[in-house]
Amino acid sequence: MNTKIGKLEFPSLSYDFGALEPHIDKLTMEIHYTKHHQAYFSNLLAAVKDTDTENLDFEIVLKNISKYPVAIRNNGGGHFNHSLFWSILSPNGGGEAKGELKKAIADQFGSFAKFKELFDNAAKTRFGSGWAWLGVNSDKELFVSSTPNQDNPLMDVAEQKGTPILGLDVWEHAYYLNYQNRRPDYVSAFWNVINWDEVEKRYSKLLVG
């Protein structure tokens, strides 16, 4: 897969728009994917077109995002964040973490229930638009954080830096059609559609990287 910004591809979904119901409704998924994410992707490519940035590695740019224009920060973050988000959702999701990740969560946070509480709080208390994350820092330790707008832990502007392996979009466009102002209900529903196999795969890859 080509990782240069100018050669990035828009990700396909492994499930249809209605597959995550009743937790995430079909219309929200369709608008979110085809309108919001597509706009971030298109605007990112437009922002780097015919510039030196077009031939740079996407993640390296994100890790040094303070050096780049705000259009690349916002749209690059939007594309990265949503691409991760779609991949960690599944109609057969839910339950708890698996494998080495399950053990690491217990070691780092005390229990899965405590981790869930911390993540829920990060998502519910993010003022305005943003994301909640489970990430892995440079010491290969897990952390929970949140970021504003379309920022993420990869970015050098993030308070807690690392590689995200699980993310929840708490922009209103992610939930408003079904949940209106009830963000906590949306956050609770998210746990029913997490693809822990994918999250575990991302975690394991970082351990050997």
N, C-alpha and C. Protein backbone atom coordinates (compact mmCIF):
# COMPACT_ATOMS: atom_id res chain seq x y z
N MET A 1 0.84 -1.19 0.00
CA MET A 1 0.00 0.00 0.00
C MET A 1 0.88 1.25 0.00
N ASN A 2 0.62 2.16 -0.91
CA ASN A 2 1.40 3.38 -1.01
C ASN A 2 1.02 4.33 0.11
N THR A 3 2.01 4.81 0.85
CA THR A 3 1.74 5.67 1.99
C THR A 3 2.06 7.15 1.72
N LYS A 4 2.49 7.46 0.50
CA LYS A 4 2.69 8.86 0.15
C LYS A 4 1.34 9.55 0.07
N ILE A 5 1.27 10.78 0.59
CA ILE A 5 -0.02 11.46 0.67
C ILE A 5 -0.72 11.53 -0.68
N GLY A 6 0.01 11.88 -1.71
CA GLY A 6 -0.61 12.03 -3.02
C GLY A 6 -1.11 10.73 -3.63
N LYS A 7 -0.70 9.60 -3.06
CA LYS A 7 -1.10 8.29 -3.58
C LYS A 7 -2.06 7.56 -2.64
N LEU A 8 -2.53 8.22 -1.61
CA LEU A 8 -3.45 7.58 -0.68
C LEU A 8 -4.74 7.19 -1.38
N GLU A 9 -5.37 6.13 -0.90
CA GLU A 9 -6.64 5.68 -1.44
C GLU A 9 -7.74 5.80 -0.38
N PHE A 10 -8.93 6.07 -0.84
CA PHE A 10 -10.07 6.15 0.07
C PHE A 10 -10.43 4.73 0.50
N PRO A 11 -10.54 4.46 1.81
CA PRO A 11 -10.75 3.09 2.27
C PRO A 11 -12.16 2.58 1.97
N SER A 12 -12.25 1.29 1.71
CA SER A 12 -13.56 0.67 1.53
C SER A 12 -14.01 0.10 2.88
N LEU A 13 -15.32 -0.06 3.04
CA LEU A 13 -15.87 -0.64 4.26
C LEU A 13 -16.02 -2.15 4.09
N SER A 14 -15.85 -2.89 5.17
CA SER A 14 -16.00 -4.34 5.12
C SER A 14 -17.41 -4.77 5.53
N TYR A 15 -18.31 -3.81 5.68
CA TYR A 15 -19.69 -4.06 6.08
C TYR A 15 -20.55 -2.99 5.41
N ASP A 16 -21.86 -3.22 5.31
CA ASP A 16 -22.70 -2.22 4.67
C ASP A 16 -23.16 -1.17 5.68
N PHE A 17 -23.74 -0.10 5.19
CA PHE A 17 -24.07 1.04 6.04
C PHE A 17 -25.02 0.69 7.18
N GLY A 18 -25.90 -0.26 6.97
CA GLY A 18 -26.88 -0.61 7.99
C GLY A 18 -26.44 -1.72 8.93
N ALA A 19 -25.23 -2.22 8.75
CA ALA A 19 -24.80 -3.41 9.49
C ALA A 19 -24.59 -3.16 10.98
N LEU A 20 -24.40 -1.91 11.37
CA LEU A 20 -24.10 -1.61 12.77
C LEU A 20 -25.32 -1.21 13.57
N GLU A 21 -26.48 -1.23 12.92
CA GLU A 21 -27.73 -0.91 13.64
C GLU A 21 -28.01 -1.96 14.70
N PRO A 22 -28.65 -1.60 15.81
CA PRO A 22 -29.23 -0.28 16.11
C PRO A 22 -28.23 0.70 16.75
N HIS A 23 -26.99 0.27 16.89
CA HIS A 23 -26.02 1.07 17.65
C HIS A 23 -25.58 2.31 16.88
N ILE A 24 -25.32 2.14 15.58
CA ILE A 24 -25.06 3.28 14.69
C ILE A 24 -25.97 3.10 13.48
N ASP A 25 -26.84 4.07 13.24
CA ASP A 25 -27.87 3.87 12.22
C ASP A 25 -27.33 4.02 10.80
N LYS A 26 -28.06 3.44 9.86
CA LYS A 26 -27.64 3.37 8.46
C LYS A 26 -27.42 4.74 7.85
N LEU A 27 -28.34 5.67 8.05
CA LEU A 27 -28.23 6.98 7.42
C LEU A 27 -27.02 7.75 7.95
N THR A 28 -26.78 7.67 9.27
CA THR A 28 -25.61 8.33 9.84
C THR A 28 -24.34 7.76 9.23
N MET A 29 -24.26 6.44 9.13
CA MET A 29 -23.07 5.81 8.55
C MET A 29 -22.86 6.27 7.11
N GLU A 30 -23.93 6.30 6.34
CA GLU A 30 -23.82 6.66 4.93
C GLU A 30 -23.34 8.11 4.77
N ILE A 31 -23.95 9.03 5.52
CA ILE A 31 -23.56 10.43 5.44
C ILE A 31 -22.13 10.63 5.96
N HIS A 32 -21.83 9.97 7.06
CA HIS A 32 -20.52 10.10 7.69
C HIS A 32 -19.41 9.65 6.74
N TYR A 33 -19.63 8.52 6.10
CA TYR A 33 -18.61 7.93 5.23
C TYR A 33 -18.53 8.63 3.87
N THR A 34 -19.68 8.84 3.23
CA THR A 34 -19.67 9.34 1.86
C THR A 34 -19.57 10.86 1.77
N LYS A 35 -19.93 11.56 2.82
CA LYS A 35 -19.89 13.02 2.80
C LYS A 35 -18.74 13.58 3.66
N HIS A 36 -18.77 13.28 4.95
CA HIS A 36 -17.77 13.86 5.84
C HIS A 36 -16.36 13.33 5.56
N HIS A 37 -16.21 12.00 5.60
CA HIS A 37 -14.86 11.45 5.37
C HIS A 37 -14.40 11.75 3.95
N GLN A 38 -15.27 11.59 2.99
CA GLN A 38 -14.89 11.86 1.60
C GLN A 38 -14.41 13.30 1.42
N ALA A 39 -15.04 14.23 2.11
CA ALA A 39 -14.63 15.63 2.03
C ALA A 39 -13.23 15.83 2.62
N TYR A 40 -12.96 15.22 3.77
CA TYR A 40 -11.62 15.32 4.35
C TYR A 40 -10.58 14.77 3.38
N PHE A 41 -10.87 13.63 2.80
CA PHE A 41 -9.93 12.98 1.88
C PHE A 41 -9.67 13.85 0.65
N SER A 42 -10.74 14.33 0.04
CA SER A 42 -10.60 15.16 -1.16
C SER A 42 -9.87 16.47 -0.86
N ASN A 43 -10.18 17.07 0.28
CA ASN A 43 -9.55 18.33 0.65
C ASN A 43 -8.07 18.15 1.00
N LEU A 44 -7.73 16.98 1.56
CA LEU A 44 -6.33 16.69 1.85
C LEU A 44 -5.53 16.61 0.55
N LEU A 45 -6.05 15.86 -0.41
CA LEU A 45 -5.34 15.73 -1.69
C LEU A 45 -5.22 17.08 -2.38
N ALA A 46 -6.25 17.90 -2.28
CA ALA A 46 -6.20 19.23 -2.89
C ALA A 46 -5.16 20.11 -2.20
N ALA A 47 -5.03 19.95 -0.88
CA ALA A 47 -4.11 20.79 -0.11
C ALA A 47 -2.64 20.49 -0.43
N VAL A 48 -2.35 19.24 -0.82
CA VAL A 48 -0.95 18.87 -1.08
C VAL A 48 -0.62 18.83 -2.57
N LYS A 49 -1.61 18.96 -3.42
CA LYS A 49 -1.39 18.83 -4.86
C LYS A 49 -0.35 19.82 -5.36
N ASP A 50 0.61 19.29 -6.13
CA ASP A 50 1.69 20.09 -6.73
C ASP A 50 2.58 20.77 -5.71
N THR A 51 2.68 20.16 -4.51
CA THR A 51 3.62 20.64 -3.49
C THR A 51 4.57 19.49 -3.15
N ASP A 52 5.66 19.81 -2.45
CA ASP A 52 6.61 18.78 -2.02
C ASP A 52 5.96 17.79 -1.07
N THR A 53 4.97 18.25 -0.31
CA THR A 53 4.30 17.40 0.66
C THR A 53 3.60 16.22 0.00
N GLU A 54 3.22 16.36 -1.24
CA GLU A 54 2.49 15.33 -1.97
C GLU A 54 3.25 14.00 -2.00
N ASN A 55 4.58 14.07 -1.94
CA ASN A 55 5.40 12.86 -2.05
C ASN A 55 5.98 12.40 -0.71
N LEU A 56 5.47 12.97 0.38
CA LEU A 56 5.94 12.58 1.70
C LEU A 56 5.06 11.49 2.30
N ASP A 57 5.64 10.71 3.21
CA ASP A 57 4.88 9.67 3.91
C ASP A 57 3.83 10.31 4.81
N PHE A 58 2.62 9.81 4.73
CA PHE A 58 1.49 10.41 5.43
C PHE A 58 1.71 10.47 6.94
N GLU A 59 2.12 9.38 7.54
CA GLU A 59 2.27 9.36 9.00
C GLU A 59 3.42 10.24 9.46
N ILE A 60 4.46 10.34 8.67
CA ILE A 60 5.57 11.23 9.04
C ILE A 60 5.10 12.68 9.04
N VAL A 61 4.27 13.04 8.06
CA VAL A 61 3.71 14.39 8.03
C VAL A 61 2.85 14.63 9.28
N LEU A 62 2.01 13.65 9.64
CA LEU A 62 1.17 13.81 10.83
C LEU A 62 2.01 13.98 12.09
N LYS A 63 3.12 13.24 12.16
CA LYS A 63 3.97 13.32 13.35
C LYS A 63 4.69 14.67 13.46
N ASN A 64 4.75 15.39 12.35
CA ASN A 64 5.38 16.71 12.34
C ASN A 64 4.39 17.78 11.88
N ILE A 65 3.13 17.60 12.26
CA ILE A 65 2.05 18.40 11.69
C ILE A 65 2.17 19.88 11.99
N SER A 66 2.86 20.26 13.04
CA SER A 66 2.99 21.67 13.38
C SER A 66 3.75 22.45 12.31
N LYS A 67 4.45 21.74 11.44
CA LYS A 67 5.23 22.39 10.37
C LYS A 67 4.38 22.65 9.11
N TYR A 68 3.15 22.14 9.12
CA TYR A 68 2.35 22.16 7.89
C TYR A 68 1.12 23.05 8.03
N PRO A 69 0.53 23.45 6.92
CA PRO A 69 -0.65 24.31 6.97
C PRO A 69 -1.83 23.65 7.68
N VAL A 70 -2.72 24.49 8.20
CA VAL A 70 -3.88 23.99 8.95
C VAL A 70 -4.77 23.12 8.08
N ALA A 71 -4.81 23.34 6.79
CA ALA A 71 -5.63 22.50 5.91
C ALA A 71 -5.15 21.07 5.90
N ILE A 72 -3.85 20.88 5.99
CA ILE A 72 -3.30 19.52 6.04
C ILE A 72 -3.54 18.90 7.41
N ARG A 73 -3.42 19.71 8.46
CA ARG A 73 -3.69 19.21 9.82
C ARG A 73 -5.14 18.75 9.95
N ASN A 74 -6.07 19.59 9.54
CA ASN A 74 -7.49 19.26 9.71
C ASN A 74 -7.93 18.12 8.80
N ASN A 75 -7.58 18.19 7.54
CA ASN A 75 -8.05 17.18 6.59
C ASN A 75 -7.23 15.90 6.65
N GLY A 76 -5.94 16.03 6.93
CA GLY A 76 -5.12 14.83 7.12
C GLY A 76 -5.55 14.07 8.36
N GLY A 77 -5.81 14.82 9.44
CA GLY A 77 -6.33 14.17 10.64
C GLY A 77 -7.67 13.54 10.39
N GLY A 78 -8.53 14.26 9.68
CA GLY A 78 -9.85 13.72 9.37
C GLY A 78 -9.78 12.42 8.59
N HIS A 79 -8.88 12.36 7.63
CA HIS A 79 -8.74 11.12 6.83
C HIS A 79 -8.16 9.99 7.67
N PHE A 80 -7.10 10.27 8.40
CA PHE A 80 -6.47 9.22 9.22
C PHE A 80 -7.44 8.70 10.27
N ASN A 81 -8.08 9.62 10.99
CA ASN A 81 -8.96 9.23 12.10
C ASN A 81 -10.13 8.39 11.63
N HIS A 82 -10.76 8.81 10.54
CA HIS A 82 -11.91 8.06 10.04
C HIS A 82 -11.50 6.71 9.47
N SER A 83 -10.36 6.65 8.81
CA SER A 83 -9.89 5.37 8.27
C SER A 83 -9.69 4.36 9.38
N LEU A 84 -9.13 4.82 10.51
CA LEU A 84 -8.97 3.93 11.66
C LEU A 84 -10.34 3.56 12.24
N PHE A 85 -11.20 4.55 12.37
CA PHE A 85 -12.52 4.34 12.97
C PHE A 85 -13.31 3.25 12.26
N TRP A 86 -13.38 3.32 10.92
CA TRP A 86 -14.15 2.31 10.18
C TRP A 86 -13.57 0.91 10.40
N SER A 87 -12.24 0.84 10.53
CA SER A 87 -11.60 -0.48 10.62
C SER A 87 -11.83 -1.16 11.96
N ILE A 88 -12.12 -0.38 13.00
CA ILE A 88 -12.28 -1.00 14.32
C ILE A 88 -13.76 -1.15 14.69
N LEU A 89 -14.64 -1.02 13.69
CA LEU A 89 -16.07 -1.28 13.89
C LEU A 89 -16.45 -2.58 13.21
N SER A 90 -17.41 -3.29 13.79
CA SER A 90 -17.86 -4.55 13.20
C SER A 90 -19.27 -4.88 13.69
N PRO A 91 -20.12 -5.39 12.79
CA PRO A 91 -21.44 -5.85 13.23
C PRO A 91 -21.36 -7.04 14.17
N ASN A 92 -20.20 -7.69 14.20
CA ASN A 92 -19.99 -8.84 15.10
C ASN A 92 -19.07 -8.46 16.26
N GLY A 93 -19.01 -7.15 16.55
CA GLY A 93 -18.10 -6.67 17.58
C GLY A 93 -18.69 -6.73 18.97
N GLY A 94 -18.01 -6.05 19.87
CA GLY A 94 -18.46 -6.01 21.26
C GLY A 94 -17.63 -6.90 22.16
N GLY A 95 -18.06 -7.03 23.38
CA GLY A 95 -17.31 -7.83 24.34
C GLY A 95 -16.11 -7.08 24.89
N GLU A 96 -15.05 -7.83 25.17
CA GLU A 96 -13.85 -7.23 25.74
C GLU A 96 -12.63 -7.49 24.87
N ALA A 97 -11.56 -6.82 25.19
CA ALA A 97 -10.30 -7.00 24.47
C ALA A 97 -9.84 -8.45 24.56
N LYS A 98 -8.96 -8.81 23.63
CA LYS A 98 -8.49 -10.19 23.56
C LYS A 98 -6.97 -10.25 23.59
N GLY A 99 -6.46 -11.45 23.79
CA GLY A 99 -5.04 -11.71 23.66
C GLY A 99 -4.16 -10.87 24.56
N GLU A 100 -3.00 -10.50 24.00
CA GLU A 100 -2.03 -9.70 24.74
C GLU A 100 -2.60 -8.34 25.15
N LEU A 101 -3.49 -7.81 24.32
CA LEU A 101 -4.08 -6.51 24.63
C LEU A 101 -4.92 -6.59 25.90
N LYS A 102 -5.65 -7.66 26.07
CA LYS A 102 -6.47 -7.83 27.28
C LYS A 102 -5.59 -7.80 28.53
N LYS A 103 -4.47 -8.50 28.47
CA LYS A 103 -3.54 -8.53 29.60
C LYS A 103 -2.93 -7.15 29.83
N ALA A 104 -2.56 -6.47 28.74
CA ALA A 104 -1.93 -5.16 28.87
C ALA A 104 -2.89 -4.14 29.46
N ILE A 105 -4.16 -4.23 29.09
CA ILE A 105 -5.17 -3.32 29.64
C ILE A 105 -5.30 -3.53 31.15
N ALA A 106 -5.34 -4.80 31.57
CA ALA A 106 -5.44 -5.11 33.00
C ALA A 106 -4.20 -4.61 33.75
N ASP A 107 -3.03 -4.78 33.13
CA ASP A 107 -1.79 -4.34 33.77
C ASP A 107 -1.72 -2.81 33.88
N GLN A 108 -2.15 -2.12 32.83
CA GLN A 108 -2.00 -0.67 32.78
C GLN A 108 -3.08 0.06 33.58
N PHE A 109 -4.32 -0.44 33.48
CA PHE A 109 -5.45 0.29 34.07
C PHE A 109 -6.07 -0.38 35.28
N GLY A 110 -5.67 -1.60 35.57
CA GLY A 110 -6.22 -2.31 36.72
C GLY A 110 -7.26 -3.35 36.34
N SER A 111 -8.07 -3.02 35.35
CA SER A 111 -9.08 -3.94 34.86
C SER A 111 -9.68 -3.38 33.58
N PHE A 112 -10.39 -4.23 32.83
CA PHE A 112 -11.06 -3.75 31.63
C PHE A 112 -12.14 -2.73 32.01
N ALA A 113 -12.81 -2.97 33.11
CA ALA A 113 -13.87 -2.06 33.57
C ALA A 113 -13.31 -0.68 33.87
N LYS A 114 -12.12 -0.62 34.47
CA LYS A 114 -11.51 0.67 34.76
C LYS A 114 -11.09 1.37 33.48
N PHE A 115 -10.54 0.62 32.54
CA PHE A 115 -10.19 1.19 31.23
C PHE A 115 -11.43 1.76 30.56
N LYS A 116 -12.50 1.00 30.57
CA LYS A 116 -13.75 1.43 29.94
C LYS A 116 -14.25 2.73 30.57
N GLU A 117 -14.14 2.82 31.88
CA GLU A 117 -14.56 4.04 32.59
C GLU A 117 -13.71 5.24 32.15
N LEU A 118 -12.41 5.04 32.04
CA LEU A 118 -11.51 6.12 31.62
C LEU A 118 -11.80 6.55 30.18
N PHE A 119 -12.02 5.58 29.31
CA PHE A 119 -12.29 5.88 27.91
C PHE A 119 -13.63 6.61 27.77
N ASP A 120 -14.63 6.10 28.47
CA ASP A 120 -15.95 6.76 28.45
C ASP A 120 -15.84 8.21 28.89
N ASN A 121 -15.08 8.44 29.94
CA ASN A 121 -14.92 9.80 30.46
C ASN A 121 -14.22 10.70 29.44
N ALA A 122 -13.21 10.16 28.77
CA ALA A 122 -12.49 10.93 27.76
C ALA A 122 -13.42 11.33 26.63
N ALA A 123 -14.32 10.42 26.25
CA ALA A 123 -15.25 10.68 25.16
C ALA A 123 -16.36 11.65 25.57
N LYS A 124 -16.88 11.47 26.76
CA LYS A 124 -18.01 12.26 27.22
C LYS A 124 -17.63 13.69 27.59
N THR A 125 -16.40 13.87 28.05
CA THR A 125 -16.00 15.19 28.55
C THR A 125 -15.22 16.00 27.53
N ARG A 126 -14.97 15.45 26.35
CA ARG A 126 -14.32 16.24 25.31
C ARG A 126 -15.24 17.38 24.92
N PHE A 127 -14.83 18.60 25.19
CA PHE A 127 -15.67 19.76 24.90
C PHE A 127 -15.72 20.01 23.40
N GLY A 128 -16.94 20.15 22.88
CA GLY A 128 -17.08 20.38 21.45
C GLY A 128 -16.77 19.11 20.67
N SER A 129 -16.14 19.29 19.52
CA SER A 129 -15.86 18.17 18.63
C SER A 129 -14.49 17.58 18.90
N GLY A 130 -14.37 16.28 18.68
CA GLY A 130 -13.07 15.64 18.88
C GLY A 130 -13.17 14.13 18.91
N TRP A 131 -12.15 13.52 19.51
CA TRP A 131 -12.03 12.06 19.52
C TRP A 131 -11.54 11.57 20.89
N ALA A 132 -11.90 10.33 21.22
CA ALA A 132 -11.32 9.63 22.36
C ALA A 132 -10.46 8.49 21.82
N TRP A 133 -9.35 8.21 22.52
CA TRP A 133 -8.38 7.25 21.99
C TRP A 133 -7.88 6.26 23.04
N LEU A 134 -7.55 5.07 22.55
CA LEU A 134 -6.65 4.16 23.25
C LEU A 134 -5.41 4.10 22.38
N GLY A 135 -4.27 4.45 22.96
CA GLY A 135 -3.04 4.50 22.18
C GLY A 135 -1.89 3.78 22.86
N VAL A 136 -0.80 3.68 22.12
CA VAL A 136 0.43 3.06 22.62
C VAL A 136 1.54 4.09 22.51
N ASN A 137 2.22 4.39 23.62
CA ASN A 137 3.27 5.41 23.59
C ASN A 137 4.62 4.82 23.18
N SER A 138 5.64 5.65 23.20
CA SER A 138 6.96 5.22 22.73
C SER A 138 7.58 4.15 23.62
N ASP A 139 7.09 4.01 24.85
CA ASP A 139 7.55 2.95 25.76
C ASP A 139 6.70 1.69 25.65
N LYS A 140 5.82 1.68 24.65
CA LYS A 140 4.91 0.56 24.38
C LYS A 140 3.91 0.35 25.52
N GLU A 141 3.59 1.45 26.19
CA GLU A 141 2.57 1.42 27.24
C GLU A 141 1.27 2.00 26.71
N LEU A 142 0.16 1.47 27.19
CA LEU A 142 -1.15 1.94 26.78
C LEU A 142 -1.51 3.25 27.48
N PHE A 143 -2.29 4.08 26.81
CA PHE A 143 -2.82 5.29 27.44
C PHE A 143 -4.18 5.61 26.84
N VAL A 144 -4.99 6.32 27.61
CA VAL A 144 -6.28 6.83 27.14
C VAL A 144 -6.16 8.35 27.06
N SER A 145 -6.67 8.92 25.97
CA SER A 145 -6.61 10.37 25.83
C SER A 145 -7.75 10.84 24.95
N SER A 146 -7.87 12.15 24.82
CA SER A 146 -8.79 12.71 23.84
C SER A 146 -8.11 13.89 23.16
N THR A 147 -8.57 14.18 21.95
CA THR A 147 -8.00 15.29 21.18
C THR A 147 -9.14 16.12 20.60
N PRO A 148 -8.90 17.41 20.38
CA PRO A 148 -9.92 18.25 19.76
C PRO A 148 -9.96 18.10 18.25
N ASN A 149 -11.09 18.45 17.68
CA ASN A 149 -11.25 18.53 16.23
C ASN A 149 -10.82 17.23 15.54
N GLN A 150 -9.91 17.30 14.56
CA GLN A 150 -9.44 16.08 13.91
C GLN A 150 -7.98 15.78 14.26
N ASP A 151 -7.52 16.28 15.40
CA ASP A 151 -6.18 15.92 15.87
C ASP A 151 -6.17 14.47 16.35
N ASN A 152 -4.97 13.91 16.48
CA ASN A 152 -4.83 12.55 17.01
C ASN A 152 -3.48 12.42 17.70
N PRO A 153 -3.26 11.33 18.45
CA PRO A 153 -2.02 11.19 19.22
C PRO A 153 -0.74 11.11 18.40
N LEU A 154 -0.84 10.79 17.12
CA LEU A 154 0.36 10.77 16.28
C LEU A 154 0.98 12.16 16.16
N MET A 155 0.16 13.18 16.24
CA MET A 155 0.60 14.54 15.95
C MET A 155 1.48 15.12 17.05
N ASP A 156 2.46 15.92 16.63
CA ASP A 156 3.34 16.54 17.61
C ASP A 156 2.66 17.61 18.44
N VAL A 157 1.43 17.96 18.09
CA VAL A 157 0.67 18.94 18.88
C VAL A 157 -0.18 18.28 19.97
N ALA A 158 -0.23 16.96 19.99
CA ALA A 158 -1.07 16.24 20.96
C ALA A 158 -0.46 16.29 22.35
N GLU A 159 -1.31 16.37 23.37
CA GLU A 159 -0.83 16.36 24.75
C GLU A 159 -0.21 15.02 25.10
N GLN A 160 -0.86 13.93 24.68
CA GLN A 160 -0.31 12.59 24.88
C GLN A 160 -0.02 12.00 23.51
N LYS A 161 1.24 11.69 23.28
CA LYS A 161 1.66 11.25 21.95
C LYS A 161 1.85 9.74 21.90
N GLY A 162 1.54 9.18 20.76
CA GLY A 162 1.69 7.75 20.55
C GLY A 162 0.93 7.33 19.31
N THR A 163 0.73 6.05 19.18
CA THR A 163 0.02 5.50 18.03
C THR A 163 -1.36 5.03 18.47
N PRO A 164 -2.42 5.59 17.91
CA PRO A 164 -3.77 5.16 18.31
C PRO A 164 -4.11 3.79 17.73
N ILE A 165 -4.76 2.96 18.54
CA ILE A 165 -5.21 1.65 18.07
C ILE A 165 -6.73 1.51 18.18
N LEU A 166 -7.36 2.43 18.87
CA LEU A 166 -8.81 2.47 19.01
C LEU A 166 -9.23 3.93 19.12
N GLY A 167 -10.23 4.32 18.35
CA GLY A 167 -10.68 5.71 18.41
C GLY A 167 -12.18 5.82 18.28
N LEU A 168 -12.74 6.78 18.98
CA LEU A 168 -14.18 7.04 18.90
C LEU A 168 -14.41 8.48 18.48
N ASP A 169 -15.14 8.67 17.40
CA ASP A 169 -15.49 9.98 16.88
C ASP A 169 -16.63 10.55 17.70
N VAL A 170 -16.39 11.68 18.37
CA VAL A 170 -17.46 12.31 19.14
C VAL A 170 -17.87 13.67 18.54
N TRP A 171 -17.58 13.87 17.27
CA TRP A 171 -18.19 14.98 16.55
C TRP A 171 -19.69 14.70 16.47
N GLU A 172 -20.52 15.74 16.48
CA GLU A 172 -21.96 15.53 16.43
C GLU A 172 -22.41 14.81 15.16
N HIS A 173 -21.68 15.00 14.06
CA HIS A 173 -22.10 14.32 12.83
C HIS A 173 -22.02 12.79 12.94
N ALA A 174 -21.29 12.30 13.94
CA ALA A 174 -21.14 10.86 14.12
C ALA A 174 -22.34 10.21 14.80
N TYR A 175 -23.19 11.04 15.44
CA TYR A 175 -24.26 10.43 16.24
C TYR A 175 -25.56 11.20 16.29
N TYR A 176 -25.61 12.42 15.77
CA TYR A 176 -26.73 13.31 16.09
C TYR A 176 -28.08 12.84 15.53
N LEU A 177 -28.10 12.21 14.38
CA LEU A 177 -29.37 11.79 13.79
C LEU A 177 -30.12 10.82 14.71
N ASN A 178 -29.38 9.97 15.37
CA ASN A 178 -30.00 8.95 16.22
C ASN A 178 -30.03 9.34 17.69
N TYR A 179 -28.96 9.98 18.16
CA TYR A 179 -28.82 10.24 19.59
C TYR A 179 -29.04 11.70 19.99
N GLN A 180 -29.13 12.60 19.00
CA GLN A 180 -29.29 14.03 19.27
C GLN A 180 -28.22 14.50 20.28
N ASN A 181 -28.64 15.06 21.39
CA ASN A 181 -27.67 15.59 22.36
C ASN A 181 -27.20 14.54 23.37
N ARG A 182 -27.58 13.29 23.17
CA ARG A 182 -27.27 12.23 24.15
C ARG A 182 -25.95 11.54 23.83
N ARG A 183 -24.88 12.30 23.85
CA ARG A 183 -23.58 11.70 23.56
C ARG A 183 -23.27 10.50 24.45
N PRO A 184 -23.57 10.53 25.75
CA PRO A 184 -23.28 9.36 26.58
C PRO A 184 -23.93 8.08 26.08
N ASP A 185 -25.14 8.17 25.53
CA ASP A 185 -25.80 6.98 24.99
C ASP A 185 -25.05 6.43 23.78
N TYR A 186 -24.55 7.33 22.95
CA TYR A 186 -23.76 6.93 21.78
C TYR A 186 -22.45 6.28 22.22
N VAL A 187 -21.81 6.86 23.22
CA VAL A 187 -20.57 6.29 23.74
C VAL A 187 -20.82 4.89 24.28
N SER A 188 -21.90 4.70 24.99
CA SER A 188 -22.23 3.37 25.52
C SER A 188 -22.49 2.37 24.40
N ALA A 189 -23.18 2.82 23.34
CA ALA A 189 -23.50 1.95 22.21
C ALA A 189 -22.23 1.50 21.47
N PHE A 190 -21.22 2.34 21.46
CA PHE A 190 -19.97 2.05 20.75
C PHE A 190 -19.36 0.73 21.18
N TRP A 191 -19.48 0.39 22.47
CA TRP A 191 -18.86 -0.84 22.99
C TRP A 191 -19.46 -2.09 22.37
N ASN A 192 -20.62 -1.97 21.75
CA ASN A 192 -21.27 -3.14 21.13
C ASN A 192 -20.78 -3.42 19.72
N VAL A 193 -20.00 -2.51 19.15
CA VAL A 193 -19.56 -2.69 17.76
C VAL A 193 -18.05 -2.60 17.59
N ILE A 194 -17.29 -2.66 18.67
CA ILE A 194 -15.82 -2.61 18.56
C ILE A 194 -15.30 -3.95 18.05
N ASN A 195 -14.47 -3.88 17.03
CA ASN A 195 -13.83 -5.06 16.46
C ASN A 195 -12.51 -5.29 17.22
N TRP A 196 -12.58 -6.04 18.30
CA TRP A 196 -11.40 -6.22 19.14
C TRP A 196 -10.31 -7.02 18.44
N ASP A 197 -10.66 -7.85 17.48
CA ASP A 197 -9.63 -8.56 16.71
C ASP A 197 -8.73 -7.57 15.98
N GLU A 198 -9.34 -6.55 15.39
CA GLU A 198 -8.57 -5.54 14.67
C GLU A 198 -7.73 -4.70 15.64
N VAL A 199 -8.30 -4.34 16.77
CA VAL A 199 -7.55 -3.54 17.75
C VAL A 199 -6.37 -4.33 18.27
N GLU A 200 -6.59 -5.62 18.56
CA GLU A 200 -5.51 -6.50 19.02
C GLU A 200 -4.42 -6.62 17.96
N LYS A 201 -4.82 -6.72 16.70
CA LYS A 201 -3.85 -6.82 15.61
C LYS A 201 -2.98 -5.57 15.53
N ARG A 202 -3.61 -4.41 15.69
CA ARG A 202 -2.85 -3.15 15.67
C ARG A 202 -1.89 -3.08 16.86
N TYR A 203 -2.35 -3.53 18.00
CA TYR A 203 -1.50 -3.52 19.20
C TYR A 203 -0.31 -4.46 19.03
N SER A 204 -0.56 -5.67 18.56
CA SER A 204 0.52 -6.66 18.41
C SER A 204 1.57 -6.19 17.42
N LYS A 205 1.13 -5.51 16.37
CA LYS A 205 2.07 -5.00 15.36
C LYS A 205 3.01 -3.97 15.97
N LEU A 206 2.51 -3.15 16.89
CA LEU A 206 3.34 -2.13 17.53
C LEU A 206 4.35 -2.75 18.50
N LEU A 207 4.00 -3.88 19.11
CA LEU A 207 4.90 -4.51 20.06
C LEU A 207 6.15 -5.05 19.39
N VAL A 208 6.02 -5.48 18.16
CA VAL A 208 7.16 -6.05 17.44
C VAL A 208 7.82 -5.02 16.53
N GLY A 209 7.19 -3.84 16.42
CA GLY A 209 7.72 -2.81 15.52
C GLY A 209 8.93 -2.09 16.10
